[in-house]
Amino acid sequence: MSITLDSTIADLIREKPESAVVLQSFGMGCLGCAIAHNETIREAAVVHGIPLEELASALKIAVE
């Protein structure tokens, strides 16, 4: 599976478990909650006020 900004947080963690540390460094602490199964990386960045390009770079995924 290819991870994009429109992948869910749960998909990201499943495919790239090391990304949990990156997300936590941006203040995203609820990685295992129910919202993580439906919220995309893009949506999470907006909700948490994180610049999308900065988060994508840290996660090593392309900004579309």
C-alpha atoms as a PDB file:
ATOM      1  CA  MET A   1       0.000   0.000   0.000  1.00  0.00           C
ATOM      2  CA  SER A   2       1.261   3.445  -0.892  1.00  0.00           C
ATOM      3  CA  ILE A   3       0.876   5.973   1.911  1.00  0.00           C
ATOM      4  CA  THR A   4      -0.338   9.426   0.855  1.00  0.00           C
ATOM      5  CA  LEU A   5      -1.661  12.440   2.716  1.00  0.00           C
ATOM      6  CA  ASP A   6      -5.127  11.005   2.150  1.00  0.00           C
ATOM      7  CA  SER A   7      -4.288   7.728   3.927  1.00  0.00           C
ATOM      8  CA  THR A   8      -5.681   7.316   7.414  1.00  0.00           C
ATOM      9  CA  ILE A   9      -3.521   7.647  10.487  1.00  0.00           C
ATOM     10  CA  ALA A  10      -4.209   3.957  11.199  1.00  0.00           C
ATOM     11  CA  ASP A  11      -2.980   2.958   7.731  1.00  0.00           C
ATOM     12  CA  LEU A  12       0.160   5.034   8.216  1.00  0.00           C
ATOM     13  CA  ILE A  13       0.934   3.428  11.582  1.00  0.00           C
ATOM     14  CA  ARG A  14       0.251  -0.044  10.195  1.00  0.00           C
ATOM     15  CA  GLU A  15       2.513   0.463   7.162  1.00  0.00           C
ATOM     16  CA  LYS A  16       5.196   2.600   8.818  1.00  0.00           C
ATOM     17  CA  PRO A  17       5.176   1.962  12.592  1.00  0.00           C
ATOM     18  CA  GLU A  18       8.179   4.251  13.010  1.00  0.00           C
ATOM     19  CA  SER A  19       5.957   7.175  11.996  1.00  0.00           C
ATOM     20  CA  ALA A  20       4.277   7.105  15.421  1.00  0.00           C
ATOM     21  CA  VAL A  21       7.293   8.876  16.920  1.00  0.00           C
ATOM     22  CA  VAL A  22       7.104  11.548  14.214  1.00  0.00           C
ATOM     23  CA  LEU A  23       3.388  12.123  14.782  1.00  0.00           C
ATOM     24  CA  GLN A  24       3.902  12.338  18.533  1.00  0.00           C
ATOM     25  CA  SER A  25       6.656  14.910  18.035  1.00  0.00           C
ATOM     26  CA  PHE A  26       4.022  17.102  16.339  1.00  0.00           C
ATOM     27  CA  GLY A  27       1.673  16.730  19.325  1.00  0.00           C
ATOM     28  CA  MET A  28      -0.534  13.963  17.950  1.00  0.00           C
ATOM     29  CA  GLY A  29      -0.905  11.710  20.962  1.00  0.00           C
ATOM     30  CA  CYS A  30      -4.060   9.769  20.167  1.00  0.00           C
ATOM     31  CA  LEU A  31      -2.672   7.411  17.549  1.00  0.00           C
ATOM     32  CA  GLY A  32      -4.663   4.381  18.636  1.00  0.00           C
ATOM     33  CA  CYS A  33      -8.012   6.072  19.197  1.00  0.00           C
ATOM     34  CA  ALA A  34     -11.099   5.505  17.073  1.00  0.00           C
ATOM     35  CA  ILE A  35     -10.586   8.748  15.169  1.00  0.00           C
ATOM     36  CA  ALA A  36      -7.251   7.465  13.838  1.00  0.00           C
ATOM     37  CA  HIS A  37      -9.121   4.842  11.822  1.00  0.00           C
ATOM     38  CA  ASN A  38     -11.083   7.440   9.865  1.00  0.00           C
ATOM     39  CA  GLU A  39      -8.974  10.615   9.974  1.00  0.00           C
ATOM     40  CA  THR A  40      -6.533  11.168   7.141  1.00  0.00           C
ATOM     41  CA  ILE A  41      -3.026  12.501   7.613  1.00  0.00           C
ATOM     42  CA  ARG A  42      -4.156  15.664   5.808  1.00  0.00           C
ATOM     43  CA  GLU A  43      -7.153  16.125   8.123  1.00  0.00           C
ATOM     44  CA  ALA A  44      -5.037  15.512  11.221  1.00  0.00           C
ATOM     45  CA  ALA A  45      -2.551  18.171  10.132  1.00  0.00           C
ATOM     46  CA  VAL A  46      -5.352  20.710   9.737  1.00  0.00           C
ATOM     47  CA  VAL A  47      -6.997  19.827  13.060  1.00  0.00           C
ATOM     48  CA  HIS A  48      -3.685  20.082  14.913  1.00  0.00           C
ATOM     49  CA  GLY A  49      -2.553  23.253  13.106  1.00  0.00           C
ATOM     50  CA  ILE A  50       0.506  21.565  11.609  1.00  0.00           C
ATOM     51  CA  PRO A  51       1.885  22.819   8.285  1.00  0.00           C
ATOM     52  CA  LEU A  52       1.120  20.050   5.794  1.00  0.00           C
ATOM     53  CA  GLU A  53       4.439  20.311   3.973  1.00  0.00           C
ATOM     54  CA  GLU A  54       6.368  20.083   7.248  1.00  0.00           C
ATOM     55  CA  LEU A  55       4.484  16.991   8.383  1.00  0.00           C
ATOM     56  CA  ALA A  56       4.775  15.306   4.988  1.00  0.00           C
ATOM     57  CA  SER A  57       8.510  15.970   4.919  1.00  0.00           C
ATOM     58  CA  ALA A  58       8.982  14.514   8.397  1.00  0.00           C
ATOM     59  CA  LEU A  59       6.963  11.430   7.408  1.00  0.00           C
ATOM     60  CA  LYS A  60       8.814  11.192   4.078  1.00  0.00           C
ATOM     61  CA  ILE A  61       5.656  11.230   1.980  1.00  0.00           C
ATOM     62  CA  ALA A  62       4.926  13.376  -1.056  1.00  0.00           C
ATOM     63  CA  VAL A  63       2.756  16.457  -0.889  1.00  0.00           C
ATOM     64  CA  GLU A  64       0.232  16.225  -3.706  1.00  0.00           C
END
